[in-house]
Amino acid sequence: MNWPYVLIDWEWDVMGNGGKLEDAVNYAKSKGIKPLIWYNSGTTDWSDATPVDRMRTREKRIKEFEWLNKIGVYGIKVGFFAGDQ
């Protein structure tokens, strides 16, 4: 389809098939597709969709973005499901 990006959506941190995010990222890149990944912006009090609490503080964001850059993720999508409450 010649899509430039692919979104690796929720629960990428707990893949039921034993996979790893790095493997999915590398596969996408091998096909010439830039991977994006989804983050839950909230806490577990309104949603159990993971990953949770990886971007809530500046320190956590810095650590997470350094890791994402290292493994080759091109961007993120942040879910704000409960943001209007």
PDB file of N, CA and C in Angstrom:
ATOM      1  N   MET A   1       0.808  -1.197   0.000  1.00  0.00           N
ATOM      2  CA  MET A   1       0.000   0.000   0.000  1.00  0.00           C
ATOM      3  C   MET A   1       0.853   1.262   0.000  1.00  0.00           C
ATOM      4  N   ASN A   2       2.151   1.105   0.098  1.00  0.00           N
ATOM      5  CA  ASN A   2       3.076   2.244   0.102  1.00  0.00           C
ATOM      6  C   ASN A   2       2.845   3.217   1.251  1.00  0.00           C
ATOM      7  N   TRP A   3       2.409   2.707   2.385  1.00  0.00           N
ATOM      8  CA  TRP A   3       2.246   3.560   3.564  1.00  0.00           C
ATOM      9  C   TRP A   3       3.622   3.875   4.134  1.00  0.00           C
ATOM     10  N   PRO A   4       3.867   5.142   4.505  1.00  0.00           N
ATOM     11  CA  PRO A   4       5.182   5.487   5.035  1.00  0.00           C
ATOM     12  C   PRO A   4       5.366   5.100   6.499  1.00  0.00           C
ATOM     13  N   TYR A   5       4.250   4.925   7.225  1.00  0.00           N
ATOM     14  CA  TYR A   5       4.317   4.639   8.658  1.00  0.00           C
ATOM     15  C   TYR A   5       3.411   3.474   9.022  1.00  0.00           C
ATOM     16  N   VAL A   6       3.740   2.834  10.147  1.00  0.00           N
ATOM     17  CA  VAL A   6       2.868   1.823  10.732  1.00  0.00           C
ATOM     18  C   VAL A   6       2.777   2.116  12.226  1.00  0.00           C
ATOM     19  N   LEU A   7       1.578   1.976  12.781  1.00  0.00           N
ATOM     20  CA  LEU A   7       1.387   2.178  14.212  1.00  0.00           C
ATOM     21  C   LEU A   7       1.392   0.824  14.914  1.00  0.00           C
ATOM     22  N   ILE A   8       2.280   0.682  15.872  1.00  0.00           N
ATOM     23  CA  ILE A   8       2.289  -0.488  16.746  1.00  0.00           C
ATOM     24  C   ILE A   8       1.480  -0.064  17.961  1.00  0.00           C
ATOM     25  N   ASP A   9       0.284  -0.587  18.080  1.00  0.00           N
ATOM     26  CA  ASP A   9      -0.702  -0.073  19.029  1.00  0.00           C
ATOM     27  C   ASP A   9      -0.553  -0.677  20.407  1.00  0.00           C
ATOM     28  N   TRP A  10      -1.526  -0.432  21.252  1.00  0.00           N
ATOM     29  CA  TRP A  10      -1.517  -0.757  22.678  1.00  0.00           C
ATOM     30  C   TRP A  10      -1.065  -2.195  22.969  1.00  0.00           C
ATOM     31  N   GLU A  11      -0.552  -2.353  24.152  1.00  0.00           N
ATOM     32  CA  GLU A  11      -0.052  -3.618  24.709  1.00  0.00           C
ATOM     33  C   GLU A  11       1.156  -4.175  23.969  1.00  0.00           C
ATOM     34  N   TRP A  12       1.901  -3.294  23.304  1.00  0.00           N
ATOM     35  CA  TRP A  12       3.135  -3.749  22.668  1.00  0.00           C
ATOM     36  C   TRP A  12       4.169  -4.181  23.696  1.00  0.00           C
ATOM     37  N   ASP A  13       3.988  -3.763  24.932  1.00  0.00           N
ATOM     38  CA  ASP A  13       4.923  -4.132  25.998  1.00  0.00           C
ATOM     39  C   ASP A  13       4.612  -5.499  26.607  1.00  0.00           C
ATOM     40  N   VAL A  14       3.486  -6.081  26.245  1.00  0.00           N
ATOM     41  CA  VAL A  14       3.097  -7.393  26.780  1.00  0.00           C
ATOM     42  C   VAL A  14       2.564  -8.289  25.658  1.00  0.00           C
ATOM     43  N   MET A  15       3.318  -8.421  24.598  1.00  0.00           N
ATOM     44  CA  MET A  15       2.877  -9.208  23.446  1.00  0.00           C
ATOM     45  C   MET A  15       2.618 -10.642  23.857  1.00  0.00           C
ATOM     46  N   GLY A  16       1.417 -11.099  23.565  1.00  0.00           N
ATOM     47  CA  GLY A  16       1.014 -12.447  23.942  1.00  0.00           C
ATOM     48  C   GLY A  16       1.735 -13.548  23.189  1.00  0.00           C
ATOM     49  N   ASN A  17       2.318 -13.216  22.047  1.00  0.00           N
ATOM     50  CA  ASN A  17       2.995 -14.239  21.246  1.00  0.00           C
ATOM     51  C   ASN A  17       4.475 -14.370  21.579  1.00  0.00           C
ATOM     52  N   GLY A  18       4.902 -13.665  22.629  1.00  0.00           N
ATOM     53  CA  GLY A  18       6.306 -13.737  23.017  1.00  0.00           C
ATOM     54  C   GLY A  18       7.212 -12.815  22.237  1.00  0.00           C
ATOM     55  N   GLY A  19       6.636 -11.998  21.364  1.00  0.00           N
ATOM     56  CA  GLY A  19       7.425 -11.074  20.563  1.00  0.00           C
ATOM     57  C   GLY A  19       7.966  -9.928  21.392  1.00  0.00           C
ATOM     58  N   LYS A  20       8.835  -9.162  20.754  1.00  0.00           N
ATOM     59  CA  LYS A  20       9.431  -7.995  21.389  1.00  0.00           C
ATOM     60  C   LYS A  20       9.239  -6.798  20.473  1.00  0.00           C
ATOM     61  N   LEU A  21       9.091  -5.625  21.084  1.00  0.00           N
ATOM     62  CA  LEU A  21       8.907  -4.411  20.298  1.00  0.00           C
ATOM     63  C   LEU A  21      10.059  -4.223  19.321  1.00  0.00           C
ATOM     64  N   GLU A  22      11.265  -4.485  19.750  1.00  0.00           N
ATOM     65  CA  GLU A  22      12.429  -4.309  18.881  1.00  0.00           C
ATOM     66  C   GLU A  22      12.310  -5.141  17.611  1.00  0.00           C
ATOM     67  N   ASP A  23      11.777  -6.357  17.725  1.00  0.00           N
ATOM     68  CA  ASP A  23      11.600  -7.205  16.551  1.00  0.00           C
ATOM     69  C   ASP A  23      10.575  -6.612  15.586  1.00  0.00           C
ATOM     70  N   ALA A  24       9.468  -6.105  16.126  1.00  0.00           N
ATOM     71  CA  ALA A  24       8.438  -5.488  15.287  1.00  0.00           C
ATOM     72  C   ALA A  24       8.983  -4.231  14.609  1.00  0.00           C
ATOM     73  N   VAL A  25       9.732  -3.430  15.344  1.00  0.00           N
ATOM     74  CA  VAL A  25      10.332  -2.218  14.783  1.00  0.00           C
ATOM     75  C   VAL A  25      11.299  -2.586  13.663  1.00  0.00           C
ATOM     76  N   ASN A  26      12.146  -3.551  13.901  1.00  0.00           N
ATOM     77  CA  ASN A  26      13.119  -3.957  12.885  1.00  0.00           C
ATOM     78  C   ASN A  26      12.438  -4.536  11.650  1.00  0.00           C
ATOM     79  N   TYR A  27      11.365  -5.282  11.843  1.00  0.00           N
ATOM     80  CA  TYR A  27      10.635  -5.833  10.698  1.00  0.00           C
ATOM     81  C   TYR A  27      10.047  -4.703   9.858  1.00  0.00           C
ATOM     82  N   ALA A  28       9.396  -3.740  10.509  1.00  0.00           N
ATOM     83  CA  ALA A  28       8.822  -2.607   9.776  1.00  0.00           C
ATOM     84  C   ALA A  28       9.906  -1.875   8.988  1.00  0.00           C
ATOM     85  N   LYS A  29      11.015  -1.589   9.648  1.00  0.00           N
ATOM     86  CA  LYS A  29      12.101  -0.878   8.975  1.00  0.00           C
ATOM     87  C   LYS A  29      12.663  -1.679   7.809  1.00  0.00           C
ATOM     88  N   SER A  30      12.691  -3.003   7.935  1.00  0.00           N
ATOM     89  CA  SER A  30      13.201  -3.842   6.841  1.00  0.00           C
ATOM     90  C   SER A  30      12.309  -3.761   5.603  1.00  0.00           C
ATOM     91  N   LYS A  31      11.061  -3.357   5.799  1.00  0.00           N
ATOM     92  CA  LYS A  31      10.111  -3.203   4.695  1.00  0.00           C
ATOM     93  C   LYS A  31      10.021  -1.755   4.214  1.00  0.00           C
ATOM     94  N   GLY A  32      10.877  -0.883   4.783  1.00  0.00           N
ATOM     95  CA  GLY A  32      10.879   0.511   4.384  1.00  0.00           C
ATOM     96  C   GLY A  32       9.760   1.328   5.021  1.00  0.00           C
ATOM     97  N   ILE A  33       9.212   0.840   6.123  1.00  0.00           N
ATOM     98  CA  ILE A  33       8.109   1.508   6.811  1.00  0.00           C
ATOM     99  C   ILE A  33       8.613   2.033   8.146  1.00  0.00           C
ATOM    100  N   LYS A  34       8.276   3.268   8.460  1.00  0.00           N
ATOM    101  CA  LYS A  34       8.715   3.904   9.699  1.00  0.00           C
ATOM    102  C   LYS A  34       7.733   3.574  10.825  1.00  0.00           C
ATOM    103  N   PRO A  35       8.210   2.939  11.896  1.00  0.00           N
ATOM    104  CA  PRO A  35       7.311   2.546  12.982  1.00  0.00           C
ATOM    105  C   PRO A  35       7.020   3.681  13.962  1.00  0.00           C
ATOM    106  N   LEU A  36       5.756   3.749  14.370  1.00  0.00           N
ATOM    107  CA  LEU A  36       5.283   4.622  15.431  1.00  0.00           C
ATOM    108  C   LEU A  36       4.728   3.714  16.516  1.00  0.00           C
ATOM    109  N   ILE A  37       4.761   4.148  17.777  1.00  0.00           N
ATOM    110  CA  ILE A  37       4.147   3.329  18.818  1.00  0.00           C
ATOM    111  C   ILE A  37       3.207   4.158  19.675  1.00  0.00           C
ATOM    112  N   TRP A  38       2.235   3.471  20.246  1.00  0.00           N
ATOM    113  CA  TRP A  38       1.175   4.087  21.042  1.00  0.00           C
ATOM    114  C   TRP A  38       1.523   4.042  22.522  1.00  0.00           C
ATOM    115  N   TYR A  39       1.134   5.109  23.226  1.00  0.00           N
ATOM    116  CA  TYR A  39       1.295   5.184  24.679  1.00  0.00           C
ATOM    117  C   TYR A  39      -0.023   5.569  25.324  1.00  0.00           C
ATOM    118  N   ASN A  40      -0.296   4.990  26.484  1.00  0.00           N
ATOM    119  CA  ASN A  40      -1.425   5.364  27.320  1.00  0.00           C
ATOM    120  C   ASN A  40      -0.970   6.549  28.170  1.00  0.00           C
ATOM    121  N   SER A  41      -1.656   7.677  28.056  1.00  0.00           N
ATOM    122  CA  SER A  41      -1.252   8.864  28.808  1.00  0.00           C
ATOM    123  C   SER A  41      -1.734   8.845  30.246  1.00  0.00           C
ATOM    124  N   GLY A  42      -2.687   7.975  30.535  1.00  0.00           N
ATOM    125  CA  GLY A  42      -3.305   7.984  31.854  1.00  0.00           C
ATOM    126  C   GLY A  42      -2.688   7.013  32.830  1.00  0.00           C
ATOM    127  N   THR A  43      -3.460   6.715  33.827  1.00  0.00           N
ATOM    128  CA  THR A  43      -3.059   5.753  34.840  1.00  0.00           C
ATOM    129  C   THR A  43      -4.048   4.601  34.835  1.00  0.00           C
ATOM    130  N   THR A  44      -3.786   3.587  35.595  1.00  0.00           N
ATOM    131  CA  THR A  44      -4.638   2.403  35.567  1.00  0.00           C
ATOM    132  C   THR A  44      -5.988   2.613  36.232  1.00  0.00           C
ATOM    133  N   ASP A  45      -6.269   3.796  36.773  1.00  0.00           N
ATOM    134  CA  ASP A  45      -7.567   4.005  37.397  1.00  0.00           C
ATOM    135  C   ASP A  45      -8.691   4.142  36.372  1.00  0.00           C
ATOM    136  N   TRP A  46      -8.393   4.381  35.111  1.00  0.00           N
ATOM    137  CA  TRP A  46      -9.444   4.468  34.100  1.00  0.00           C
ATOM    138  C   TRP A  46      -9.253   3.502  32.943  1.00  0.00           C
ATOM    139  N   SER A  47      -8.082   2.954  32.819  1.00  0.00           N
ATOM    140  CA  SER A  47      -7.831   2.034  31.719  1.00  0.00           C
ATOM    141  C   SER A  47      -6.697   1.093  32.090  1.00  0.00           C
ATOM    142  N   ASP A  48      -6.835  -0.133  31.659  1.00  0.00           N
ATOM    143  CA  ASP A  48      -5.748  -1.076  31.906  1.00  0.00           C
ATOM    144  C   ASP A  48      -4.903  -1.306  30.655  1.00  0.00           C
ATOM    145  N   ALA A  49      -5.128  -0.488  29.619  1.00  0.00           N
ATOM    146  CA  ALA A  49      -4.346  -0.608  28.391  1.00  0.00           C
ATOM    147  C   ALA A  49      -2.904  -0.194  28.672  1.00  0.00           C
ATOM    148  N   THR A  50      -1.981  -1.041  28.289  1.00  0.00           N
ATOM    149  CA  THR A  50      -0.577  -0.761  28.535  1.00  0.00           C
ATOM    150  C   THR A  50       0.104  -0.351  27.228  1.00  0.00           C
ATOM    151  N   PRO A  51       1.222   0.331  27.334  1.00  0.00           N
ATOM    152  CA  PRO A  51       2.008   0.674  28.504  1.00  0.00           C
ATOM    153  C   PRO A  51       1.424   1.870  29.264  1.00  0.00           C
ATOM    154  N   VAL A  52       1.582   1.833  30.550  1.00  0.00           N
ATOM    155  CA  VAL A  52       1.078   2.885  31.437  1.00  0.00           C
ATOM    156  C   VAL A  52       2.244   3.498  32.203  1.00  0.00           C
ATOM    157  N   ASP A  53       2.170   4.785  32.431  1.00  0.00           N
ATOM    158  CA  ASP A  53       3.081   5.490  33.326  1.00  0.00           C
ATOM    159  C   ASP A  53       4.533   5.527  32.848  1.00  0.00           C
ATOM    160  N   ARG A  54       4.739   5.533  31.560  1.00  0.00           N
ATOM    161  CA  ARG A  54       6.110   5.642  31.057  1.00  0.00           C
ATOM    162  C   ARG A  54       6.469   7.060  30.641  1.00  0.00           C
ATOM    163  N   MET A  55       5.469   7.955  30.623  1.00  0.00           N
ATOM    164  CA  MET A  55       5.704   9.316  30.145  1.00  0.00           C
ATOM    165  C   MET A  55       5.205  10.375  31.135  1.00  0.00           C
ATOM    166  N   ARG A  56       4.883   9.992  32.350  1.00  0.00           N
ATOM    167  CA  ARG A  56       4.231  10.921  33.278  1.00  0.00           C
ATOM    168  C   ARG A  56       5.169  11.950  33.891  1.00  0.00           C
ATOM    169  N   THR A  57       6.451  11.673  33.944  1.00  0.00           N
ATOM    170  CA  THR A  57       7.392  12.648  34.489  1.00  0.00           C
ATOM    171  C   THR A  57       8.447  12.971  33.429  1.00  0.00           C
ATOM    172  N   ARG A  58       9.087  14.098  33.617  1.00  0.00           N
ATOM    173  CA  ARG A  58      10.135  14.509  32.682  1.00  0.00           C
ATOM    174  C   ARG A  58      11.234  13.464  32.609  1.00  0.00           C
ATOM    175  N   GLU A  59      11.635  12.963  33.750  1.00  0.00           N
ATOM    176  CA  GLU A  59      12.711  11.973  33.795  1.00  0.00           C
ATOM    177  C   GLU A  59      12.327  10.701  33.036  1.00  0.00           C
ATOM    178  N   LYS A  60      11.084  10.257  33.230  1.00  0.00           N
ATOM    179  CA  LYS A  60      10.636   9.057  32.520  1.00  0.00           C
ATOM    180  C   LYS A  60      10.569   9.298  31.016  1.00  0.00           C
ATOM    181  N   ARG A  61      10.094  10.490  30.614  1.00  0.00           N
ATOM    182  CA  ARG A  61      10.028  10.802  29.188  1.00  0.00           C
ATOM    183  C   ARG A  61      11.413  10.813  28.556  1.00  0.00           C
ATOM    184  N   ILE A  62      12.368  11.424  29.223  1.00  0.00           N
ATOM    185  CA  ILE A  62      13.736  11.453  28.687  1.00  0.00           C
ATOM    186  C   ILE A  62      14.259  10.037  28.499  1.00  0.00           C
ATOM    187  N   LYS A  63      14.104   9.207  29.504  1.00  0.00           N
ATOM    188  CA  LYS A  63      14.573   7.820  29.420  1.00  0.00           C
ATOM    189  C   LYS A  63      13.862   7.066  28.290  1.00  0.00           C
ATOM    190  N   GLU A  64      12.554   7.248  28.206  1.00  0.00           N
ATOM    191  CA  GLU A  64      11.779   6.537  27.181  1.00  0.00           C
ATOM    192  C   GLU A  64      12.152   7.001  25.776  1.00  0.00           C
ATOM    193  N   PHE A  65      12.275   8.309  25.575  1.00  0.00           N
ATOM    194  CA  PHE A  65      12.638   8.811  24.250  1.00  0.00           C
ATOM    195  C   PHE A  65      14.048   8.399  23.849  1.00  0.00           C
ATOM    196  N   GLU A  66      14.961   8.326  24.786  1.00  0.00           N
ATOM    197  CA  GLU A  66      16.305   7.842  24.465  1.00  0.00           C
ATOM    198  C   GLU A  66      16.238   6.394  23.985  1.00  0.00           C
ATOM    199  N   TRP A  67      15.446   5.572  24.669  1.00  0.00           N
ATOM    200  CA  TRP A  67      15.293   4.173  24.276  1.00  0.00           C
ATOM    201  C   TRP A  67      14.621   4.059  22.908  1.00  0.00           C
ATOM    202  N   LEU A  68      13.558   4.832  22.678  1.00  0.00           N
ATOM    203  CA  LEU A  68      12.859   4.795  21.390  1.00  0.00           C
ATOM    204  C   LEU A  68      13.787   5.191  20.257  1.00  0.00           C
ATOM    205  N   ASN A  69      14.572   6.221  20.478  1.00  0.00           N
ATOM    206  CA  ASN A  69      15.531   6.648  19.472  1.00  0.00           C
ATOM    207  C   ASN A  69      16.549   5.541  19.187  1.00  0.00           C
ATOM    208  N   LYS A  70      17.008   4.894  20.235  1.00  0.00           N
ATOM    209  CA  LYS A  70      18.004   3.828  20.093  1.00  0.00           C
ATOM    210  C   LYS A  70      17.483   2.663  19.252  1.00  0.00           C
ATOM    211  N   ILE A  71      16.211   2.288  19.454  1.00  0.00           N
ATOM    212  CA  ILE A  71      15.692   1.129  18.719  1.00  0.00           C
ATOM    213  C   ILE A  71      15.107   1.501  17.360  1.00  0.00           C
ATOM    214  N   GLY A  72      14.995   2.805  17.063  1.00  0.00           N
ATOM    215  CA  GLY A  72      14.589   3.218  15.725  1.00  0.00           C
ATOM    216  C   GLY A  72      13.120   3.550  15.543  1.00  0.00           C
ATOM    217  N   VAL A  73      12.428   3.905  16.612  1.00  0.00           N
ATOM    218  CA  VAL A  73      11.033   4.332  16.492  1.00  0.00           C
ATOM    219  C   VAL A  73      11.014   5.777  15.999  1.00  0.00           C
ATOM    220  N   TYR A  74      10.134   6.070  15.047  1.00  0.00           N
ATOM    221  CA  TYR A  74      10.093   7.386  14.426  1.00  0.00           C
ATOM    222  C   TYR A  74       9.176   8.371  15.128  1.00  0.00           C
ATOM    223  N   GLY A  75       8.225   7.893  15.911  1.00  0.00           N
ATOM    224  CA  GLY A  75       7.314   8.799  16.592  1.00  0.00           C
ATOM    225  C   GLY A  75       6.368   8.026  17.485  1.00  0.00           C
ATOM    226  N   ILE A  76       5.548   8.773  18.219  1.00  0.00           N
ATOM    227  CA  ILE A  76       4.585   8.147  19.124  1.00  0.00           C
ATOM    228  C   ILE A  76       3.193   8.711  18.896  1.00  0.00           C
ATOM    229  N   LYS A  77       2.202   7.943  19.308  1.00  0.00           N
ATOM    230  CA  LYS A  77       0.810   8.374  19.368  1.00  0.00           C
ATOM    231  C   LYS A  77       0.411   8.230  20.827  1.00  0.00           C
ATOM    232  N   VAL A  78      -0.114   9.307  21.422  1.00  0.00           N
ATOM    233  CA  VAL A  78      -0.484   9.265  22.837  1.00  0.00           C
ATOM    234  C   VAL A  78      -1.998   9.246  22.940  1.00  0.00           C
ATOM    235  N   GLY A  79      -2.532   8.246  23.675  1.00  0.00           N
ATOM    236  CA  GLY A  79      -3.962   8.139  23.888  1.00  0.00           C
ATOM    237  C   GLY A  79      -4.395   8.957  25.094  1.00  0.00           C
ATOM    238  N   PHE A  80      -5.450   9.753  24.907  1.00  0.00           N
ATOM    239  CA  PHE A  80      -5.992  10.588  25.972  1.00  0.00           C
ATOM    240  C   PHE A  80      -7.466  10.259  26.198  1.00  0.00           C
ATOM    241  N   PHE A  81      -7.789   9.004  26.351  1.00  0.00           N
ATOM    242  CA  PHE A  81      -9.185   8.585  26.423  1.00  0.00           C
ATOM    243  C   PHE A  81      -9.971   9.290  27.517  1.00  0.00           C
ATOM    244  N   ALA A  82      -9.392   9.517  28.657  1.00  0.00           N
ATOM    245  CA  ALA A  82     -10.123  10.125  29.775  1.00  0.00           C
ATOM    246  C   ALA A  82      -9.768  11.595  29.953  1.00  0.00           C
ATOM    247  N   GLY A  83      -9.134  12.207  28.979  1.00  0.00           N
ATOM    248  CA  GLY A  83      -8.660  13.563  29.131  1.00  0.00           C
ATOM    249  C   GLY A  83      -9.747  14.619  29.255  1.00  0.00           C
ATOM    250  N   ASP A  84     -10.981  14.304  28.870  1.00  0.00           N
ATOM    251  CA  ASP A  84     -12.041  15.305  28.930  1.00  0.00           C
ATOM    252  C   ASP A  84     -12.866  15.221  30.201  1.00  0.00           C
ATOM    253  N   GLN A  85     -12.475  14.389  31.156  1.00  0.00           N
ATOM    254  CA  GLN A  85     -13.253  14.231  32.380  1.00  0.00           C
ATOM    255  C   GLN A  85     -12.860  15.233  33.427  1.00  0.00           C
TER     256      GLN A  85
END
